[in-house]
């Protein structure tokens, strides 16, 4: 099993969007997938409840009062963490995570806050001892803009693996209320957006290449 923790103490950086999309692509690839919601708002839990029956099934886990029992017979566990999370709680989640995915937005406020969060992560034992991988993903990027270039510069100095860019598109918010992800949709536009996720998915799958393969944009990666 691979456990993916999506975390950043900066609110509004797209943690729930990243967490739900990772869970959806794993489920649609035929992997037994659970999505744990550790955020008091319960957005991921609501998303799973709205999910149609004809797309990949995801098991919801309510971890809003703290980590629960680890699910059995699961290939992928994705954890949606809350913003403004205390480092002690992050440490609890890190103990069970194989990969920490840190979304960051192309704005000065987000870059500064995310830089601080990454420094705090580095002080925690699982990260120091390289037991848990950290991957930073640029989120809601508008290519060719000054803010995107500034974010690229930030990525050069973070000291952690950068795993591509997720373009800013309204489709993400449009389909969230239906319990869907772009991996549940067909069409060229959606397939192009699916390709944005390929570097991140490859990085995660390399943590355990023996379990499953992920379909991206109609092709099989890895």
C-alpha atoms as a PDB file:
ATOM      1  CA  UNK A   1       0.000   0.000   0.000  1.00  0.00           C
ATOM      2  CA  UNK A   2       1.135   3.549  -0.702  1.00  0.00           C
ATOM      3  CA  UNK A   3      -0.095   6.289   1.638  1.00  0.00           C
ATOM      4  CA  UNK A   4      -0.113   9.827   0.220  1.00  0.00           C
ATOM      5  CA  UNK A   5      -0.496  12.798   2.575  1.00  0.00           C
ATOM      6  CA  UNK A   6      -1.552  16.054   0.883  1.00  0.00           C
ATOM      7  CA  UNK A   7      -0.451  18.839   3.199  1.00  0.00           C
ATOM      8  CA  UNK A   8       0.363  22.521   3.509  1.00  0.00           C
ATOM      9  CA  UNK A   9      -0.398  24.801   6.443  1.00  0.00           C
ATOM     10  CA  UNK A  10      -1.311  27.551   3.930  1.00  0.00           C
ATOM     11  CA  UNK A  11      -5.055  27.517   3.368  1.00  0.00           C
ATOM     12  CA  UNK A  12      -6.604  27.712  -0.090  1.00  0.00           C
ATOM     13  CA  UNK A  13      -3.714  26.096  -1.946  1.00  0.00           C
ATOM     14  CA  UNK A  14      -5.869  23.305  -3.410  1.00  0.00           C
ATOM     15  CA  UNK A  15      -5.169  20.411  -1.042  1.00  0.00           C
ATOM     16  CA  UNK A  16      -8.663  18.949  -1.377  1.00  0.00           C
ATOM     17  CA  UNK A  17      -8.621  19.207  -5.177  1.00  0.00           C
ATOM     18  CA  UNK A  18      -5.269  17.407  -5.290  1.00  0.00           C
ATOM     19  CA  UNK A  19      -6.350  14.762  -2.770  1.00  0.00           C
ATOM     20  CA  UNK A  20      -9.651  13.974  -4.485  1.00  0.00           C
ATOM     21  CA  UNK A  21      -8.035  13.804  -7.926  1.00  0.00           C
ATOM     22  CA  UNK A  22      -5.329  11.444  -6.712  1.00  0.00           C
ATOM     23  CA  UNK A  23      -7.962   9.199  -5.149  1.00  0.00           C
ATOM     24  CA  UNK A  24     -10.014   9.256  -8.353  1.00  0.00           C
ATOM     25  CA  UNK A  25      -7.157   8.331 -10.670  1.00  0.00           C
ATOM     26  CA  UNK A  26      -6.112   5.480  -8.382  1.00  0.00           C
ATOM     27  CA  UNK A  27      -9.693   4.169  -8.162  1.00  0.00           C
ATOM     28  CA  UNK A  28     -10.236   4.417 -11.920  1.00  0.00           C
ATOM     29  CA  UNK A  29      -7.039   2.435 -12.442  1.00  0.00           C
ATOM     30  CA  UNK A  30      -8.602  -0.450 -10.538  1.00  0.00           C
ATOM     31  CA  UNK A  31      -6.683   0.094  -7.303  1.00  0.00           C
ATOM     32  CA  UNK A  32      -8.541  -0.312  -4.027  1.00  0.00           C
ATOM     33  CA  UNK A  33      -8.555   3.270  -2.815  1.00  0.00           C
ATOM     34  CA  UNK A  34      -9.463   5.053   0.432  1.00  0.00           C
ATOM     35  CA  UNK A  35      -9.660   8.809   0.990  1.00  0.00           C
ATOM     36  CA  UNK A  36      -9.193   9.980   4.590  1.00  0.00           C
ATOM     37  CA  UNK A  37     -10.483  13.458   5.440  1.00  0.00           C
ATOM     38  CA  UNK A  38      -8.607  15.065   8.364  1.00  0.00           C
ATOM     39  CA  UNK A  39     -10.060  18.537   7.749  1.00  0.00           C
ATOM     40  CA  UNK A  40     -12.861  19.723  10.032  1.00  0.00           C
ATOM     41  CA  UNK A  41     -14.719  21.089   6.981  1.00  0.00           C
ATOM     42  CA  UNK A  42     -15.162  17.537   5.652  1.00  0.00           C
ATOM     43  CA  UNK A  43     -14.989  18.609   1.996  1.00  0.00           C
ATOM     44  CA  UNK A  44     -13.439  15.349   0.810  1.00  0.00           C
ATOM     45  CA  UNK A  45     -16.077  13.303   2.627  1.00  0.00           C
ATOM     46  CA  UNK A  46     -18.820  15.306   0.928  1.00  0.00           C
ATOM     47  CA  UNK A  47     -17.137  14.840  -2.446  1.00  0.00           C
ATOM     48  CA  UNK A  48     -17.048  11.057  -2.042  1.00  0.00           C
ATOM     49  CA  UNK A  49     -20.726  10.985  -1.024  1.00  0.00           C
ATOM     50  CA  UNK A  50     -21.681  12.855  -4.215  1.00  0.00           C
ATOM     51  CA  UNK A  51     -19.619  10.549  -6.400  1.00  0.00           C
ATOM     52  CA  UNK A  52     -21.682   8.718  -9.087  1.00  0.00           C
ATOM     53  CA  UNK A  53     -21.931   4.930  -9.059  1.00  0.00           C
ATOM     54  CA  UNK A  54     -20.472   4.531 -12.544  1.00  0.00           C
ATOM     55  CA  UNK A  55     -16.968   5.827 -11.698  1.00  0.00           C
ATOM     56  CA  UNK A  56     -14.146   4.341  -9.639  1.00  0.00           C
ATOM     57  CA  UNK A  57     -15.276   3.513  -6.103  1.00  0.00           C
ATOM     58  CA  UNK A  58     -13.486   5.235  -3.198  1.00  0.00           C
ATOM     59  CA  UNK A  59     -13.805   4.334   0.485  1.00  0.00           C
ATOM     60  CA  UNK A  60     -14.292   7.468   2.644  1.00  0.00           C
ATOM     61  CA  UNK A  61     -12.580   7.645   6.056  1.00  0.00           C
ATOM     62  CA  UNK A  62     -13.533  10.250   8.651  1.00  0.00           C
ATOM     63  CA  UNK A  63     -10.282  11.280  10.347  1.00  0.00           C
ATOM     64  CA  UNK A  64     -11.433  14.718  11.469  1.00  0.00           C
ATOM     65  CA  UNK A  65     -10.819  13.785  15.124  1.00  0.00           C
ATOM     66  CA  UNK A  66      -7.438  12.255  14.355  1.00  0.00           C
ATOM     67  CA  UNK A  67      -6.042   9.291  12.410  1.00  0.00           C
ATOM     68  CA  UNK A  68      -8.268   6.226  12.603  1.00  0.00           C
ATOM     69  CA  UNK A  69      -7.517   2.599  11.980  1.00  0.00           C
ATOM     70  CA  UNK A  70      -5.590   1.865   8.828  1.00  0.00           C
ATOM     71  CA  UNK A  71      -7.921   0.253   6.301  1.00  0.00           C
ATOM     72  CA  UNK A  72      -7.304  -3.324   5.283  1.00  0.00           C
ATOM     73  CA  UNK A  73      -7.084  -4.548   1.708  1.00  0.00           C
ATOM     74  CA  UNK A  74      -6.331  -1.080   0.315  1.00  0.00           C
ATOM     75  CA  UNK A  75      -3.741  -0.332  -2.364  1.00  0.00           C
ATOM     76  CA  UNK A  76      -3.775   3.453  -2.068  1.00  0.00           C
ATOM     77  CA  UNK A  77      -4.643   5.668   0.900  1.00  0.00           C
ATOM     78  CA  UNK A  78      -4.868   9.429   0.277  1.00  0.00           C
ATOM     79  CA  UNK A  79      -5.082  11.781   3.274  1.00  0.00           C
ATOM     80  CA  UNK A  80      -6.545  15.285   2.900  1.00  0.00           C
ATOM     81  CA  UNK A  81      -5.031  17.335   5.740  1.00  0.00           C
ATOM     82  CA  UNK A  82      -6.408  20.575   7.197  1.00  0.00           C
ATOM     83  CA  UNK A  83      -4.848  24.019   6.854  1.00  0.00           C
ATOM     84  CA  UNK A  84      -3.261  25.667   9.909  1.00  0.00           C
ATOM     85  CA  UNK A  85      -2.447  22.180  11.150  1.00  0.00           C
ATOM     86  CA  UNK A  86      -0.186  21.962  14.187  1.00  0.00           C
ATOM     87  CA  UNK A  87       3.154  20.290  13.548  1.00  0.00           C
ATOM     88  CA  UNK A  88       2.372  17.664  16.182  1.00  0.00           C
ATOM     89  CA  UNK A  89      -0.626  16.535  14.153  1.00  0.00           C
ATOM     90  CA  UNK A  90       1.437  16.573  10.969  1.00  0.00           C
ATOM     91  CA  UNK A  91       3.978  14.350  12.721  1.00  0.00           C
ATOM     92  CA  UNK A  92       1.198  11.858  13.517  1.00  0.00           C
ATOM     93  CA  UNK A  93       0.167  11.717   9.863  1.00  0.00           C
ATOM     94  CA  UNK A  94       3.774  11.568   8.635  1.00  0.00           C
ATOM     95  CA  UNK A  95       4.326   8.363  10.563  1.00  0.00           C
ATOM     96  CA  UNK A  96       1.976   6.552   8.219  1.00  0.00           C
ATOM     97  CA  UNK A  97       2.747   8.464   4.991  1.00  0.00           C
ATOM     98  CA  UNK A  98       5.043   7.257   2.231  1.00  0.00           C
ATOM     99  CA  UNK A  99       4.791  10.495   0.244  1.00  0.00           C
ATOM    100  CA  UNK A 100       3.882  14.056   1.246  1.00  0.00           C
ATOM    101  CA  UNK A 101       2.458  16.102  -1.628  1.00  0.00           C
ATOM    102  CA  UNK A 102       2.678  19.857  -1.017  1.00  0.00           C
ATOM    103  CA  UNK A 103       0.585  22.060  -3.368  1.00  0.00           C
ATOM    104  CA  UNK A 104       1.738  25.659  -3.793  1.00  0.00           C
ATOM    105  CA  UNK A 105       0.028  28.513  -5.628  1.00  0.00           C
ATOM    106  CA  UNK A 106       1.805  31.140  -7.771  1.00  0.00           C
ATOM    107  CA  UNK A 107       1.496  34.045  -5.338  1.00  0.00           C
ATOM    108  CA  UNK A 108       3.957  35.739  -3.033  1.00  0.00           C
ATOM    109  CA  UNK A 109       1.928  34.920   0.071  1.00  0.00           C
ATOM    110  CA  UNK A 110       1.681  31.236  -0.811  1.00  0.00           C
ATOM    111  CA  UNK A 111       5.333  30.908  -1.799  1.00  0.00           C
ATOM    112  CA  UNK A 112       6.501  32.417   1.497  1.00  0.00           C
ATOM    113  CA  UNK A 113       4.141  30.329   3.633  1.00  0.00           C
ATOM    114  CA  UNK A 114       4.972  27.137   1.738  1.00  0.00           C
ATOM    115  CA  UNK A 115       8.700  27.792   2.114  1.00  0.00           C
ATOM    116  CA  UNK A 116       8.215  28.069   5.877  1.00  0.00           C
ATOM    117  CA  UNK A 117       6.149  24.883   5.925  1.00  0.00           C
ATOM    118  CA  UNK A 118       8.817  22.946   4.029  1.00  0.00           C
ATOM    119  CA  UNK A 119      11.476  24.105   6.490  1.00  0.00           C
ATOM    120  CA  UNK A 120       9.311  22.932   9.378  1.00  0.00           C
ATOM    121  CA  UNK A 121       8.766  19.598   7.656  1.00  0.00           C
ATOM    122  CA  UNK A 122      12.504  19.096   7.387  1.00  0.00           C
ATOM    123  CA  UNK A 123      12.782  19.224  11.179  1.00  0.00           C
ATOM    124  CA  UNK A 124      10.485  16.216  11.616  1.00  0.00           C
ATOM    125  CA  UNK A 125      12.027  12.791  12.087  1.00  0.00           C
ATOM    126  CA  UNK A 126      10.394  10.925   9.143  1.00  0.00           C
ATOM    127  CA  UNK A 127      11.655  13.588   6.729  1.00  0.00           C
ATOM    128  CA  UNK A 128      15.107  13.919   8.319  1.00  0.00           C
ATOM    129  CA  UNK A 129      15.669  10.190   8.074  1.00  0.00           C
ATOM    130  CA  UNK A 130      14.375  10.098   4.470  1.00  0.00           C
ATOM    131  CA  UNK A 131      11.621   7.642   5.367  1.00  0.00           C
ATOM    132  CA  UNK A 132       8.985   9.894   3.841  1.00  0.00           C
ATOM    133  CA  UNK A 133       9.358  11.513   0.418  1.00  0.00           C
ATOM    134  CA  UNK A 134       8.262  15.117  -0.173  1.00  0.00           C
ATOM    135  CA  UNK A 135       7.000  16.294  -3.570  1.00  0.00           C
ATOM    136  CA  UNK A 136       6.011  19.904  -4.307  1.00  0.00           C
ATOM    137  CA  UNK A 137       3.422  20.494  -7.025  1.00  0.00           C
ATOM    138  CA  UNK A 138       2.750  23.900  -8.604  1.00  0.00           C
ATOM    139  CA  UNK A 139      -1.021  24.370  -8.600  1.00  0.00           C
ATOM    140  CA  UNK A 140      -3.400  26.666 -10.561  1.00  0.00           C
ATOM    141  CA  UNK A 141      -0.619  27.865 -12.812  1.00  0.00           C
ATOM    142  CA  UNK A 142      -1.235  30.180 -15.774  1.00  0.00           C
ATOM    143  CA  UNK A 143       1.665  29.464 -18.069  1.00  0.00           C
ATOM    144  CA  UNK A 144       3.633  32.420 -19.408  1.00  0.00           C
ATOM    145  CA  UNK A 145       2.725  34.778 -16.570  1.00  0.00           C
ATOM    146  CA  UNK A 146       5.121  36.586 -14.251  1.00  0.00           C
ATOM    147  CA  UNK A 147       3.693  34.774 -11.223  1.00  0.00           C
ATOM    148  CA  UNK A 148       4.349  31.426 -12.885  1.00  0.00           C
ATOM    149  CA  UNK A 149       7.964  32.443 -13.532  1.00  0.00           C
ATOM    150  CA  UNK A 150       8.377  33.533  -9.910  1.00  0.00           C
ATOM    151  CA  UNK A 151       7.004  30.205  -8.759  1.00  0.00           C
ATOM    152  CA  UNK A 152       9.495  28.399 -11.005  1.00  0.00           C
ATOM    153  CA  UNK A 153      12.297  30.369  -9.330  1.00  0.00           C
ATOM    154  CA  UNK A 154      10.965  29.386  -5.913  1.00  0.00           C
ATOM    155  CA  UNK A 155      11.013  25.732  -6.925  1.00  0.00           C
ATOM    156  CA  UNK A 156      14.734  25.900  -7.658  1.00  0.00           C
ATOM    157  CA  UNK A 157      15.488  26.547  -4.019  1.00  0.00           C
ATOM    158  CA  UNK A 158      13.014  24.415  -2.084  1.00  0.00           C
ATOM    159  CA  UNK A 159      15.339  21.422  -1.762  1.00  0.00           C
ATOM    160  CA  UNK A 160      12.563  18.942  -2.573  1.00  0.00           C
ATOM    161  CA  UNK A 161      11.371  17.236  -5.721  1.00  0.00           C
ATOM    162  CA  UNK A 162       9.183  19.376  -7.982  1.00  0.00           C
ATOM    163  CA  UNK A 163       6.545  17.341  -9.783  1.00  0.00           C
ATOM    164  CA  UNK A 164       5.193  19.489 -12.584  1.00  0.00           C
ATOM    165  CA  UNK A 165       2.452  22.076 -12.934  1.00  0.00           C
ATOM    166  CA  UNK A 166      -1.323  21.839 -12.718  1.00  0.00           C
ATOM    167  CA  UNK A 167      -2.876  24.480 -14.950  1.00  0.00           C
ATOM    168  CA  UNK A 168      -5.558  26.829 -13.662  1.00  0.00           C
ATOM    169  CA  UNK A 169      -8.881  25.738 -15.205  1.00  0.00           C
ATOM    170  CA  UNK A 170     -12.469  26.318 -14.047  1.00  0.00           C
ATOM    171  CA  UNK A 171     -13.410  22.715 -14.778  1.00  0.00           C
ATOM    172  CA  UNK A 172     -11.904  21.692 -11.431  1.00  0.00           C
ATOM    173  CA  UNK A 173     -14.407  23.753  -9.462  1.00  0.00           C
ATOM    174  CA  UNK A 174     -17.277  23.012 -11.847  1.00  0.00           C
ATOM    175  CA  UNK A 175     -17.127  19.245 -11.333  1.00  0.00           C
ATOM    176  CA  UNK A 176     -16.222  19.169  -7.622  1.00  0.00           C
ATOM    177  CA  UNK A 177     -19.876  19.537  -6.625  1.00  0.00           C
ATOM    178  CA  UNK A 178     -20.697  16.391  -8.604  1.00  0.00           C
ATOM    179  CA  UNK A 179     -18.112  14.241  -6.854  1.00  0.00           C
ATOM    180  CA  UNK A 180     -16.101  14.032 -10.058  1.00  0.00           C
ATOM    181  CA  UNK A 181     -12.532  14.590 -11.184  1.00  0.00           C
ATOM    182  CA  UNK A 182     -11.061  15.208 -14.619  1.00  0.00           C
ATOM    183  CA  UNK A 183     -10.052  11.536 -14.579  1.00  0.00           C
ATOM    184  CA  UNK A 184     -13.753  10.629 -14.670  1.00  0.00           C
ATOM    185  CA  UNK A 185     -14.315  12.672 -17.842  1.00  0.00           C
ATOM    186  CA  UNK A 186     -13.535  12.036 -21.486  1.00  0.00           C
ATOM    187  CA  UNK A 187     -12.649  14.451 -24.270  1.00  0.00           C
ATOM    188  CA  UNK A 188      -9.457  16.014 -25.548  1.00  0.00           C
ATOM    189  CA  UNK A 189      -9.523  18.972 -23.148  1.00  0.00           C
ATOM    190  CA  UNK A 190      -9.727  16.712 -20.120  1.00  0.00           C
ATOM    191  CA  UNK A 191      -7.078  14.357 -21.464  1.00  0.00           C
ATOM    192  CA  UNK A 192      -4.708  17.302 -21.875  1.00  0.00           C
ATOM    193  CA  UNK A 193      -5.312  18.293 -18.255  1.00  0.00           C
ATOM    194  CA  UNK A 194      -4.785  14.695 -17.154  1.00  0.00           C
ATOM    195  CA  UNK A 195      -1.293  14.883 -18.629  1.00  0.00           C
ATOM    196  CA  UNK A 196      -0.475  17.659 -16.146  1.00  0.00           C
ATOM    197  CA  UNK A 197      -0.720  15.054 -13.396  1.00  0.00           C
ATOM    198  CA  UNK A 198       1.618  12.526 -15.018  1.00  0.00           C
ATOM    199  CA  UNK A 199       4.857  13.648 -13.270  1.00  0.00           C
ATOM    200  CA  UNK A 200       3.215  13.509  -9.845  1.00  0.00           C
ATOM    201  CA  UNK A 201       1.634  10.127 -10.506  1.00  0.00           C
ATOM    202  CA  UNK A 202       4.908   8.676 -11.737  1.00  0.00           C
ATOM    203  CA  UNK A 203       6.667   9.942  -8.636  1.00  0.00           C
ATOM    204  CA  UNK A 204       4.091   8.348  -6.340  1.00  0.00           C
ATOM    205  CA  UNK A 205       4.018   5.058  -8.229  1.00  0.00           C
ATOM    206  CA  UNK A 206       7.813   4.788  -8.073  1.00  0.00           C
ATOM    207  CA  UNK A 207       7.416   4.360  -4.324  1.00  0.00           C
ATOM    208  CA  UNK A 208       5.834   0.988  -4.990  1.00  0.00           C
ATOM    209  CA  UNK A 209       6.094  -0.026  -8.669  1.00  0.00           C
ATOM    210  CA  UNK A 210       4.824  -3.542  -7.921  1.00  0.00           C
ATOM    211  CA  UNK A 211       1.231  -2.448  -7.376  1.00  0.00           C
ATOM    212  CA  UNK A 212      -0.845  -1.419 -10.362  1.00  0.00           C
ATOM    213  CA  UNK A 213      -0.338   1.009 -13.200  1.00  0.00           C
ATOM    214  CA  UNK A 214      -1.958   4.384 -13.679  1.00  0.00           C
ATOM    215  CA  UNK A 215      -3.757   5.427 -16.844  1.00  0.00           C
ATOM    216  CA  UNK A 216      -3.129   9.035 -17.833  1.00  0.00           C
ATOM    217  CA  UNK A 217      -4.578  10.646 -20.938  1.00  0.00           C
ATOM    218  CA  UNK A 218      -5.613   7.304 -22.371  1.00  0.00           C
ATOM    219  CA  UNK A 219      -2.096   5.890 -22.091  1.00  0.00           C
ATOM    220  CA  UNK A 220      -0.557   3.652 -19.456  1.00  0.00           C
ATOM    221  CA  UNK A 221       2.233   5.301 -17.496  1.00  0.00           C
ATOM    222  CA  UNK A 222       4.984   3.323 -15.809  1.00  0.00           C
END
